[in-house]
């Protein structure tokens, strides 16, 4: 009796296998986008936990609400350490940068 090949129904795994594979440019792009998403999610979550609106956080940071909105957008890629540090200070947080092995972010590779 022949064993059937087990197929996945996980859409993310299917798309990763089909479009990313080991393409270094696509892997780098994916890593960048994951980083942008992570930063946006953290700013949003910390702001909400502090009970602040975007306008209130902007006032604490000394910027416009549109800047906070842009920073909470996963598609934004212009984060600066200076602005992240200001936001962190306003939310009583420190910014921490870590280096991790290249393959660590590729759960579906």
PDB file of N, CA and C in Angstrom:
ATOM      1  N   UNK A   1       0.833  -1.171   0.000  1.00  0.00           N
ATOM      2  CA  UNK A   1       0.000   0.000   0.000  1.00  0.00           C
ATOM      3  C   UNK A   1       0.887   1.247   0.000  1.00  0.00           C
ATOM      4  N   UNK A   2       0.596   2.174  -0.875  1.00  0.00           N
ATOM      5  CA  UNK A   2       1.378   3.406  -0.960  1.00  0.00           C
ATOM      6  C   UNK A   2       0.832   4.457  -0.002  1.00  0.00           C
ATOM      7  N   UNK A   3       1.765   5.116   0.635  1.00  0.00           N
ATOM      8  CA  UNK A   3       1.360   6.191   1.545  1.00  0.00           C
ATOM      9  C   UNK A   3       1.064   7.449   0.727  1.00  0.00           C
ATOM     10  N   UNK A   4      -0.029   8.091   1.096  1.00  0.00           N
ATOM     11  CA  UNK A   4      -0.348   9.356   0.449  1.00  0.00           C
ATOM     12  C   UNK A   4       0.540  10.441   1.037  1.00  0.00           C
ATOM     13  N   UNK A   5       0.970  11.350   0.175  1.00  0.00           N
ATOM     14  CA  UNK A   5       1.755  12.481   0.637  1.00  0.00           C
ATOM     15  C   UNK A   5       0.823  13.418   1.400  1.00  0.00           C
ATOM     16  N   UNK A   6       1.232  13.765   2.617  1.00  0.00           N
ATOM     17  CA  UNK A   6       0.399  14.650   3.431  1.00  0.00           C
ATOM     18  C   UNK A   6       0.503  16.069   2.890  1.00  0.00           C
ATOM     19  N   UNK A   7      -0.632  16.645   2.550  1.00  0.00           N
ATOM     20  CA  UNK A   7      -0.638  18.013   2.051  1.00  0.00           C
ATOM     21  C   UNK A   7      -1.096  18.952   3.149  1.00  0.00           C
ATOM     22  N   UNK A   8      -0.618  20.166   3.084  1.00  0.00           N
ATOM     23  CA  UNK A   8      -0.987  21.148   4.089  1.00  0.00           C
ATOM     24  C   UNK A   8      -2.205  21.955   3.633  1.00  0.00           C
ATOM     25  N   UNK A   9      -2.971  22.420   4.582  1.00  0.00           N
ATOM     26  CA  UNK A   9      -4.095  23.292   4.282  1.00  0.00           C
ATOM     27  C   UNK A   9      -3.841  24.678   4.869  1.00  0.00           C
ATOM     28  N   UNK A  10      -2.635  24.877   5.420  1.00  0.00           N
ATOM     29  CA  UNK A  10      -2.264  26.155   5.998  1.00  0.00           C
ATOM     30  C   UNK A  10      -1.926  27.118   4.859  1.00  0.00           C
ATOM     31  N   UNK A  11      -2.758  28.128   4.677  1.00  0.00           N
ATOM     32  CA  UNK A  11      -2.595  29.058   3.560  1.00  0.00           C
ATOM     33  C   UNK A  11      -1.263  29.787   3.599  1.00  0.00           C
ATOM     34  N   UNK A  12      -0.814  30.161   4.784  1.00  0.00           N
ATOM     35  CA  UNK A  12       0.456  30.879   4.894  1.00  0.00           C
ATOM     36  C   UNK A  12       1.604  29.997   4.420  1.00  0.00           C
ATOM     37  N   UNK A  13       1.583  28.737   4.823  1.00  0.00           N
ATOM     38  CA  UNK A  13       2.639  27.815   4.386  1.00  0.00           C
ATOM     39  C   UNK A  13       2.588  27.605   2.876  1.00  0.00           C
ATOM     40  N   UNK A  14       1.399  27.476   2.331  1.00  0.00           N
ATOM     41  CA  UNK A  14       1.246  27.273   0.888  1.00  0.00           C
ATOM     42  C   UNK A  14       1.785  28.477   0.126  1.00  0.00           C
ATOM     43  N   UNK A  15       1.383  29.682   0.547  1.00  0.00           N
ATOM     44  CA  UNK A  15       1.844  30.901  -0.130  1.00  0.00           C
ATOM     45  C   UNK A  15       3.347  31.086   0.026  1.00  0.00           C
ATOM     46  N   UNK A  16       3.868  30.776   1.214  1.00  0.00           N
ATOM     47  CA  UNK A  16       5.312  30.903   1.429  1.00  0.00           C
ATOM     48  C   UNK A  16       6.069  29.967   0.496  1.00  0.00           C
ATOM     49  N   UNK A  17       5.611  28.739   0.413  1.00  0.00           N
ATOM     50  CA  UNK A  17       6.276  27.754  -0.447  1.00  0.00           C
ATOM     51  C   UNK A  17       6.193  28.167  -1.917  1.00  0.00           C
ATOM     52  N   UNK A  18       5.046  28.704  -2.316  1.00  0.00           N
ATOM     53  CA  UNK A  18       4.827  29.057  -3.712  1.00  0.00           C
ATOM     54  C   UNK A  18       5.586  30.318  -4.134  1.00  0.00           C
ATOM     55  N   UNK A  19       5.622  31.340  -3.251  1.00  0.00           N
ATOM     56  CA  UNK A  19       6.143  32.644  -3.679  1.00  0.00           C
ATOM     57  C   UNK A  19       7.457  33.066  -3.033  1.00  0.00           C
ATOM     58  N   UNK A  20       7.797  32.521  -1.891  1.00  0.00           N
ATOM     59  CA  UNK A  20       9.002  32.967  -1.200  1.00  0.00           C
ATOM     60  C   UNK A  20      10.155  31.993  -1.387  1.00  0.00           C
ATOM     61  N   UNK A  21       9.915  30.760  -0.972  1.00  0.00           N
ATOM     62  CA  UNK A  21      10.939  29.708  -0.979  1.00  0.00           C
ATOM     63  C   UNK A  21      12.249  30.220  -0.419  1.00  0.00           C
ATOM     64  N   UNK A  22      13.312  30.079  -1.152  1.00  0.00           N
ATOM     65  CA  UNK A  22      14.625  30.534  -0.688  1.00  0.00           C
ATOM     66  C   UNK A  22      15.100  31.764  -1.474  1.00  0.00           C
ATOM     67  N   UNK A  23      14.174  32.506  -2.071  1.00  0.00           N
ATOM     68  CA  UNK A  23      14.515  33.727  -2.806  1.00  0.00           C
ATOM     69  C   UNK A  23      14.992  34.779  -1.804  1.00  0.00           C
ATOM     70  N   UNK A  24      16.269  35.130  -1.850  1.00  0.00           N
ATOM     71  CA  UNK A  24      16.856  36.015  -0.847  1.00  0.00           C
ATOM     72  C   UNK A  24      16.212  37.403  -0.830  1.00  0.00           C
ATOM     73  N   UNK A  25      15.859  37.936  -1.990  1.00  0.00           N
ATOM     74  CA  UNK A  25      15.211  39.253  -2.026  1.00  0.00           C
ATOM     75  C   UNK A  25      13.834  39.195  -1.363  1.00  0.00           C
ATOM     76  N   UNK A  26      13.099  38.161  -1.672  1.00  0.00           N
ATOM     77  CA  UNK A  26      11.758  38.026  -1.095  1.00  0.00           C
ATOM     78  C   UNK A  26      11.825  37.743   0.403  1.00  0.00           C
ATOM     79  N   UNK A  27      12.801  36.946   0.822  1.00  0.00           N
ATOM     80  CA  UNK A  27      12.972  36.675   2.250  1.00  0.00           C
ATOM     81  C   UNK A  27      13.330  37.960   2.997  1.00  0.00           C
ATOM     82  N   UNK A  28      14.210  38.768   2.413  1.00  0.00           N
ATOM     83  CA  UNK A  28      14.594  40.038   3.040  1.00  0.00           C
ATOM     84  C   UNK A  28      13.396  40.978   3.122  1.00  0.00           C
ATOM     85  N   UNK A  29      12.616  41.023   2.066  1.00  0.00           N
ATOM     86  CA  UNK A  29      11.421  41.867   2.052  1.00  0.00           C
ATOM     87  C   UNK A  29      10.425  41.408   3.108  1.00  0.00           C
ATOM     88  N   UNK A  30      10.238  40.110   3.211  1.00  0.00           N
ATOM     89  CA  UNK A  30       9.327  39.552   4.211  1.00  0.00           C
ATOM     90  C   UNK A  30       9.800  39.898   5.617  1.00  0.00           C
ATOM     91  N   UNK A  31      11.095  39.789   5.852  1.00  0.00           N
ATOM     92  CA  UNK A  31      11.655  40.111   7.161  1.00  0.00           C
ATOM     93  C   UNK A  31      11.432  41.589   7.479  1.00  0.00           C
ATOM     94  N   UNK A  32      11.630  42.460   6.533  1.00  0.00           N
ATOM     95  CA  UNK A  32      11.408  43.890   6.724  1.00  0.00           C
ATOM     96  C   UNK A  32       9.952  44.178   7.067  1.00  0.00           C
ATOM     97  N   UNK A  33       9.052  43.567   6.324  1.00  0.00           N
ATOM     98  CA  UNK A  33       7.626  43.783   6.562  1.00  0.00           C
ATOM     99  C   UNK A  33       7.194  43.252   7.924  1.00  0.00           C
ATOM    100  N   UNK A  34       7.746  42.121   8.324  1.00  0.00           N
ATOM    101  CA  UNK A  34       7.435  41.581   9.650  1.00  0.00           C
ATOM    102  C   UNK A  34       7.928  42.539  10.740  1.00  0.00           C
ATOM    103  N   UNK A  35       9.095  43.126  10.530  1.00  0.00           N
ATOM    104  CA  UNK A  35       9.633  44.105  11.482  1.00  0.00           C
ATOM    105  C   UNK A  35       8.737  45.330  11.584  1.00  0.00           C
ATOM    106  N   UNK A  36       8.294  45.845  10.429  1.00  0.00           N
ATOM    107  CA  UNK A  36       7.398  47.005  10.420  1.00  0.00           C
ATOM    108  C   UNK A  36       6.091  46.689  11.140  1.00  0.00           C
ATOM    109  N   UNK A  37       5.550  45.516  10.890  1.00  0.00           N
ATOM    110  CA  UNK A  37       4.315  45.102  11.548  1.00  0.00           C
ATOM    111  C   UNK A  37       4.516  45.012  13.054  1.00  0.00           C
ATOM    112  N   UNK A  38       5.628  44.438  13.472  1.00  0.00           N
ATOM    113  CA  UNK A  38       5.910  44.274  14.897  1.00  0.00           C
ATOM    114  C   UNK A  38       5.995  45.629  15.600  1.00  0.00           C
ATOM    115  N   UNK A  39       6.674  46.585  14.999  1.00  0.00           N
ATOM    116  CA  UNK A  39       6.791  47.920  15.591  1.00  0.00           C
ATOM    117  C   UNK A  39       5.419  48.578  15.677  1.00  0.00           C
ATOM    118  N   UNK A  40       4.657  48.518  14.593  1.00  0.00           N
ATOM    119  CA  UNK A  40       3.325  49.127  14.573  1.00  0.00           C
ATOM    120  C   UNK A  40       2.428  48.520  15.647  1.00  0.00           C
ATOM    121  N   UNK A  41       2.450  47.208  15.770  1.00  0.00           N
ATOM    122  CA  UNK A  41       1.627  46.527  16.777  1.00  0.00           C
ATOM    123  C   UNK A  41       2.031  46.913  18.190  1.00  0.00           C
ATOM    124  N   UNK A  42       3.331  47.017  18.432  1.00  0.00           N
ATOM    125  CA  UNK A  42       3.792  47.369  19.771  1.00  0.00           C
ATOM    126  C   UNK A  42       3.378  48.788  20.153  1.00  0.00           C
ATOM    127  N   UNK A  43       3.532  49.728  19.244  1.00  0.00           N
ATOM    128  CA  UNK A  43       3.136  51.109  19.535  1.00  0.00           C
ATOM    129  C   UNK A  43       1.640  51.164  19.822  1.00  0.00           C
ATOM    130  N   UNK A  44       0.849  50.523  18.981  1.00  0.00           N
ATOM    131  CA  UNK A  44      -0.610  50.518  19.156  1.00  0.00           C
ATOM    132  C   UNK A  44      -0.991  49.892  20.505  1.00  0.00           C
ATOM    133  N   UNK A  45      -0.433  48.721  20.791  1.00  0.00           N
ATOM    134  CA  UNK A  45      -0.770  48.006  22.021  1.00  0.00           C
ATOM    135  C   UNK A  45      -0.383  48.803  23.259  1.00  0.00           C
ATOM    136  N   UNK A  46       0.826  49.360  23.264  1.00  0.00           N
ATOM    137  CA  UNK A  46       1.273  50.135  24.418  1.00  0.00           C
ATOM    138  C   UNK A  46       0.433  51.395  24.598  1.00  0.00           C
ATOM    139  N   UNK A  47       0.073  52.043  23.496  1.00  0.00           N
ATOM    140  CA  UNK A  47      -0.770  53.243  23.578  1.00  0.00           C
ATOM    141  C   UNK A  47      -2.125  52.893  24.170  1.00  0.00           C
ATOM    142  N   UNK A  48      -2.728  51.806  23.680  1.00  0.00           N
ATOM    143  CA  UNK A  48      -4.034  51.377  24.175  1.00  0.00           C
ATOM    144  C   UNK A  48      -3.960  50.981  25.654  1.00  0.00           C
ATOM    145  N   UNK A  49      -2.904  50.262  26.030  1.00  0.00           N
ATOM    146  CA  UNK A  49      -2.738  49.862  27.430  1.00  0.00           C
ATOM    147  C   UNK A  49      -2.601  51.074  28.350  1.00  0.00           C
ATOM    148  N   UNK A  50      -2.020  52.142  27.813  1.00  0.00           N
ATOM    149  CA  UNK A  50      -1.863  53.377  28.590  1.00  0.00           C
ATOM    150  C   UNK A  50      -3.157  54.186  28.603  1.00  0.00           C
ATOM    151  N   UNK A  51      -4.149  53.747  27.816  1.00  0.00           N
ATOM    152  CA  UNK A  51      -5.426  54.450  27.772  1.00  0.00           C
ATOM    153  C   UNK A  51      -5.355  55.781  27.043  1.00  0.00           C
ATOM    154  N   UNK A  52      -4.460  55.865  26.071  1.00  0.00           N
ATOM    155  CA  UNK A  52      -4.258  57.121  25.340  1.00  0.00           C
ATOM    156  C   UNK A  52      -4.821  57.046  23.933  1.00  0.00           C
ATOM    157  N   UNK A  53      -5.316  58.168  23.458  1.00  0.00           N
ATOM    158  CA  UNK A  53      -5.694  58.293  22.052  1.00  0.00           C
ATOM    159  C   UNK A  53      -4.430  58.653  21.272  1.00  0.00           C
ATOM    160  N   UNK A  54      -4.503  58.580  19.964  1.00  0.00           N
ATOM    161  CA  UNK A  54      -3.358  58.982  19.141  1.00  0.00           C
ATOM    162  C   UNK A  54      -3.028  60.457  19.386  1.00  0.00           C
ATOM    163  N   UNK A  55      -4.049  61.267  19.540  1.00  0.00           N
ATOM    164  CA  UNK A  55      -3.845  62.699  19.793  1.00  0.00           C
ATOM    165  C   UNK A  55      -3.126  62.921  21.122  1.00  0.00           C
ATOM    166  N   UNK A  56      -3.544  62.200  22.153  1.00  0.00           N
ATOM    167  CA  UNK A  56      -2.911  62.346  23.461  1.00  0.00           C
ATOM    168  C   UNK A  56      -1.454  61.907  23.438  1.00  0.00           C
ATOM    169  N   UNK A  57      -1.180  60.785  22.784  1.00  0.00           N
ATOM    170  CA  UNK A  57       0.206  60.324  22.678  1.00  0.00           C
ATOM    171  C   UNK A  57       1.031  61.324  21.886  1.00  0.00           C
ATOM    172  N   UNK A  58       0.469  61.844  20.820  1.00  0.00           N
ATOM    173  CA  UNK A  58       1.176  62.834  20.003  1.00  0.00           C
ATOM    174  C   UNK A  58       1.559  64.052  20.844  1.00  0.00           C
ATOM    175  N   UNK A  59       0.647  64.499  21.691  1.00  0.00           N
ATOM    176  CA  UNK A  59       0.938  65.647  22.556  1.00  0.00           C
ATOM    177  C   UNK A  59       2.075  65.338  23.521  1.00  0.00           C
ATOM    178  N   UNK A  60       2.082  64.135  24.085  1.00  0.00           N
ATOM    179  CA  UNK A  60       3.157  63.738  24.997  1.00  0.00           C
ATOM    180  C   UNK A  60       4.506  63.661  24.284  1.00  0.00           C
ATOM    181  N   UNK A  61       4.473  63.233  23.032  1.00  0.00           N
ATOM    182  CA  UNK A  61       5.697  63.042  22.258  1.00  0.00           C
ATOM    183  C   UNK A  61       6.164  64.352  21.621  1.00  0.00           C
ATOM    184  N   UNK A  62       5.232  65.280  21.426  1.00  0.00           N
ATOM    185  CA  UNK A  62       5.568  66.551  20.776  1.00  0.00           C
ATOM    186  C   UNK A  62       5.494  66.454  19.270  1.00  0.00           C
ATOM    187  N   UNK A  63       4.473  65.764  18.775  1.00  0.00           N
ATOM    188  CA  UNK A  63       4.292  65.601  17.337  1.00  0.00           C
ATOM    189  C   UNK A  63       2.808  65.690  17.001  1.00  0.00           C
ATOM    190  N   UNK A  64       2.468  65.397  15.771  1.00  0.00           N
ATOM    191  CA  UNK A  64       1.086  65.437  15.311  1.00  0.00           C
ATOM    192  C   UNK A  64       0.442  64.050  15.401  1.00  0.00           C
ATOM    193  N   UNK A  65      -0.884  63.994  15.607  1.00  0.00           N
ATOM    194  CA  UNK A  65      -1.567  62.693  15.636  1.00  0.00           C
ATOM    195  C   UNK A  65      -1.364  61.880  14.355  1.00  0.00           C
ATOM    196  N   UNK A  66      -1.200  62.569  13.226  1.00  0.00           N
ATOM    197  CA  UNK A  66      -0.990  61.848  11.967  1.00  0.00           C
ATOM    198  C   UNK A  66       0.317  61.063  11.979  1.00  0.00           C
ATOM    199  N   UNK A  67       1.301  61.563  12.726  1.00  0.00           N
ATOM    200  CA  UNK A  67       2.577  60.844  12.838  1.00  0.00           C
ATOM    201  C   UNK A  67       2.374  59.550  13.623  1.00  0.00           C
ATOM    202  N   UNK A  68       1.615  59.626  14.708  1.00  0.00           N
ATOM    203  CA  UNK A  68       1.334  58.426  15.501  1.00  0.00           C
ATOM    204  C   UNK A  68       0.541  57.431  14.657  1.00  0.00           C
ATOM    205  N   UNK A  69      -0.426  57.932  13.924  1.00  0.00           N
ATOM    206  CA  UNK A  69      -1.214  57.069  13.043  1.00  0.00           C
ATOM    207  C   UNK A  69      -0.326  56.358  12.033  1.00  0.00           C
ATOM    208  N   UNK A  70       0.581  57.104  11.442  1.00  0.00           N
ATOM    209  CA  UNK A  70       1.497  56.529  10.443  1.00  0.00           C
ATOM    210  C   UNK A  70       2.388  55.469  11.082  1.00  0.00           C
ATOM    211  N   UNK A  71       2.872  55.736  12.308  1.00  0.00           N
ATOM    212  CA  UNK A  71       3.743  54.781  12.996  1.00  0.00           C
ATOM    213  C   UNK A  71       3.006  53.498  13.383  1.00  0.00           C
ATOM    214  N   UNK A  72       1.699  53.598  13.552  1.00  0.00           N
ATOM    215  CA  UNK A  72       0.896  52.410  13.896  1.00  0.00           C
ATOM    216  C   UNK A  72       0.424  51.664  12.655  1.00  0.00           C
ATOM    217  N   UNK A  73       0.822  52.117  11.495  1.00  0.00           N
ATOM    218  CA  UNK A  73       0.457  51.476  10.233  1.00  0.00           C
ATOM    219  C   UNK A  73       1.543  50.473   9.852  1.00  0.00           C
ATOM    220  N   UNK A  74       1.172  49.228   9.666  1.00  0.00           N
ATOM    221  CA  UNK A  74       2.142  48.175   9.345  1.00  0.00           C
ATOM    222  C   UNK A  74       2.863  48.417   8.028  1.00  0.00           C
ATOM    223  N   UNK A  75       2.289  49.232   7.151  1.00  0.00           N
ATOM    224  CA  UNK A  75       2.925  49.510   5.861  1.00  0.00           C
ATOM    225  C   UNK A  75       3.971  50.620   5.938  1.00  0.00           C
ATOM    226  N   UNK A  76       4.082  51.291   7.076  1.00  0.00           N
ATOM    227  CA  UNK A  76       5.048  52.383   7.227  1.00  0.00           C
ATOM    228  C   UNK A  76       6.437  51.816   7.468  1.00  0.00           C
ATOM    229  N   UNK A  77       7.431  52.387   6.800  1.00  0.00           N
ATOM    230  CA  UNK A  77       8.784  51.850   6.955  1.00  0.00           C
ATOM    231  C   UNK A  77       9.813  52.927   7.299  1.00  0.00           C
ATOM    232  N   UNK A  78       9.372  54.099   7.747  1.00  0.00           N
ATOM    233  CA  UNK A  78      10.310  55.184   8.035  1.00  0.00           C
ATOM    234  C   UNK A  78      10.571  55.397   9.509  1.00  0.00           C
ATOM    235  N   UNK A  79      10.558  54.337  10.283  1.00  0.00           N
ATOM    236  CA  UNK A  79      10.781  54.473  11.723  1.00  0.00           C
ATOM    237  C   UNK A  79      12.184  54.991  12.003  1.00  0.00           C
ATOM    238  N   UNK A  80      12.280  55.933  12.935  1.00  0.00           N
ATOM    239  CA  UNK A  80      13.595  56.394  13.358  1.00  0.00           C
ATOM    240  C   UNK A  80      13.768  56.058  14.834  1.00  0.00           C
ATOM    241  N   UNK A  81      14.998  55.788  15.212  1.00  0.00           N
ATOM    242  CA  UNK A  81      15.274  55.488  16.615  1.00  0.00           C
ATOM    243  C   UNK A  81      14.895  56.664  17.490  1.00  0.00           C
ATOM    244  N   UNK A  82      15.127  57.875  17.011  1.00  0.00           N
ATOM    245  CA  UNK A  82      14.806  59.066  17.804  1.00  0.00           C
ATOM    246  C   UNK A  82      13.311  59.110  18.123  1.00  0.00           C
ATOM    247  N   UNK A  83      12.462  58.885  17.122  1.00  0.00           N
ATOM    248  CA  UNK A  83      11.019  58.935  17.355  1.00  0.00           C
ATOM    249  C   UNK A  83      10.565  57.770  18.222  1.00  0.00           C
ATOM    250  N   UNK A  84      11.091  56.583  17.971  1.00  0.00           N
ATOM    251  CA  UNK A  84      10.717  55.435  18.793  1.00  0.00           C
ATOM    252  C   UNK A  84      11.135  55.642  20.251  1.00  0.00           C
ATOM    253  N   UNK A  85      12.273  56.269  20.463  1.00  0.00           N
ATOM    254  CA  UNK A  85      12.734  56.562  21.814  1.00  0.00           C
ATOM    255  C   UNK A  85      11.813  57.577  22.488  1.00  0.00           C
ATOM    256  N   UNK A  86      11.386  58.592  21.750  1.00  0.00           N
ATOM    257  CA  UNK A  86      10.445  59.580  22.304  1.00  0.00           C
ATOM    258  C   UNK A  86       9.119  58.928  22.671  1.00  0.00           C
ATOM    259  N   UNK A  87       8.620  58.054  21.811  1.00  0.00           N
ATOM    260  CA  UNK A  87       7.368  57.353  22.096  1.00  0.00           C
ATOM    261  C   UNK A  87       7.554  56.453  23.313  1.00  0.00           C
ATOM    262  N   UNK A  88       8.673  55.745  23.353  1.00  0.00           N
ATOM    263  CA  UNK A  88       8.959  54.881  24.493  1.00  0.00           C
ATOM    264  C   UNK A  88       8.980  55.663  25.795  1.00  0.00           C
ATOM    265  N   UNK A  89       9.632  56.804  25.784  1.00  0.00           N
ATOM    266  CA  UNK A  89       9.699  57.637  26.990  1.00  0.00           C
ATOM    267  C   UNK A  89       8.310  58.086  27.418  1.00  0.00           C
ATOM    268  N   UNK A  90       7.477  58.479  26.467  1.00  0.00           N
ATOM    269  CA  UNK A  90       6.114  58.923  26.780  1.00  0.00           C
ATOM    270  C   UNK A  90       5.282  57.791  27.362  1.00  0.00           C
ATOM    271  N   UNK A  91       5.585  56.561  26.960  1.00  0.00           N
ATOM    272  CA  UNK A  91       4.839  55.390  27.434  1.00  0.00           C
ATOM    273  C   UNK A  91       5.569  54.647  28.551  1.00  0.00           C
ATOM    274  N   UNK A  92       6.634  55.286  29.068  1.00  0.00           N
ATOM    275  CA  UNK A  92       7.437  54.700  30.145  1.00  0.00           C
ATOM    276  C   UNK A  92       8.012  53.334  29.746  1.00  0.00           C
ATOM    277  N   UNK A  93       8.576  53.309  28.557  1.00  0.00           N
ATOM    278  CA  UNK A  93       9.189  52.100  28.001  1.00  0.00           C
ATOM    279  C   UNK A  93      10.572  52.459  27.462  1.00  0.00           C
ATOM    280  N   UNK A  94      11.421  51.455  27.343  1.00  0.00           N
ATOM    281  CA  UNK A  94      12.713  51.621  26.688  1.00  0.00           C
ATOM    282  C   UNK A  94      12.668  50.898  25.357  1.00  0.00           C
ATOM    283  N   UNK A  95      13.372  51.417  24.382  1.00  0.00           N
ATOM    284  CA  UNK A  95      13.496  50.756  23.082  1.00  0.00           C
ATOM    285  C   UNK A  95      14.704  49.834  23.166  1.00  0.00           C
ATOM    286  N   UNK A  96      14.527  48.614  22.685  1.00  0.00           N
ATOM    287  CA  UNK A  96      15.605  47.642  22.705  1.00  0.00           C
ATOM    288  C   UNK A  96      15.759  47.068  21.300  1.00  0.00           C
ATOM    289  N   UNK A  97      16.984  47.054  20.800  1.00  0.00           N
ATOM    290  CA  UNK A  97      17.271  46.478  19.487  1.00  0.00           C
ATOM    291  C   UNK A  97      18.031  45.186  19.712  1.00  0.00           C
ATOM    292  N   UNK A  98      17.604  44.121  19.009  1.00  0.00           N
ATOM    293  CA  UNK A  98      18.268  42.829  19.140  1.00  0.00           C
ATOM    294  C   UNK A  98      18.670  42.334  17.765  1.00  0.00           C
ATOM    295  N   UNK A  99      19.748  41.593  17.711  1.00  0.00           N
ATOM    296  CA  UNK A  99      20.150  40.896  16.507  1.00  0.00           C
ATOM    297  C   UNK A  99      19.824  39.426  16.709  1.00  0.00           C
ATOM    298  N   UNK A 100      19.181  38.809  15.717  1.00  0.00           N
ATOM    299  CA  UNK A 100      18.813  37.399  15.800  1.00  0.00           C
ATOM    300  C   UNK A 100      19.311  36.697  14.534  1.00  0.00           C
ATOM    301  N   UNK A 101      19.515  35.402  14.602  1.00  0.00           N
ATOM    302  CA  UNK A 101      19.955  34.664  13.410  1.00  0.00           C
ATOM    303  C   UNK A 101      18.975  34.871  12.252  1.00  0.00           C
ATOM    304  N   UNK A 102      19.498  34.921  11.051  1.00  0.00           N
ATOM    305  CA  UNK A 102      18.687  35.181   9.866  1.00  0.00           C
ATOM    306  C   UNK A 102      17.475  34.251   9.737  1.00  0.00           C
ATOM    307  N   UNK A 103      17.658  32.986   9.979  1.00  0.00           N
ATOM    308  CA  UNK A 103      16.589  32.018   9.775  1.00  0.00           C
ATOM    309  C   UNK A 103      15.547  32.046  10.873  1.00  0.00           C
ATOM    310  N   UNK A 104      15.782  32.767  11.961  1.00  0.00           N
ATOM    311  CA  UNK A 104      14.881  32.752  13.102  1.00  0.00           C
ATOM    312  C   UNK A 104      13.464  33.232  12.764  1.00  0.00           C
ATOM    313  N   UNK A 105      13.333  34.145  11.798  1.00  0.00           N
ATOM    314  CA  UNK A 105      12.024  34.700  11.465  1.00  0.00           C
ATOM    315  C   UNK A 105      11.266  33.896  10.421  1.00  0.00           C
ATOM    316  N   UNK A 106      11.875  32.885   9.867  1.00  0.00           N
ATOM    317  CA  UNK A 106      11.254  32.179   8.754  1.00  0.00           C
ATOM    318  C   UNK A 106      10.622  30.887   9.204  1.00  0.00           C
ATOM    319  N   UNK A 107       9.512  31.013   9.867  1.00  0.00           N
ATOM    320  CA  UNK A 107       8.818  29.836  10.400  1.00  0.00           C
ATOM    321  C   UNK A 107       8.307  28.915   9.296  1.00  0.00           C
ATOM    322  N   UNK A 108       8.137  29.430   8.091  1.00  0.00           N
ATOM    323  CA  UNK A 108       7.545  28.618   7.018  1.00  0.00           C
ATOM    324  C   UNK A 108       8.558  28.306   5.918  1.00  0.00           C
ATOM    325  N   UNK A 109       9.822  28.552   6.173  1.00  0.00           N
ATOM    326  CA  UNK A 109      10.825  28.286   5.140  1.00  0.00           C
ATOM    327  C   UNK A 109      11.065  26.804   4.988  1.00  0.00           C
TER     328      UNK A 109
END
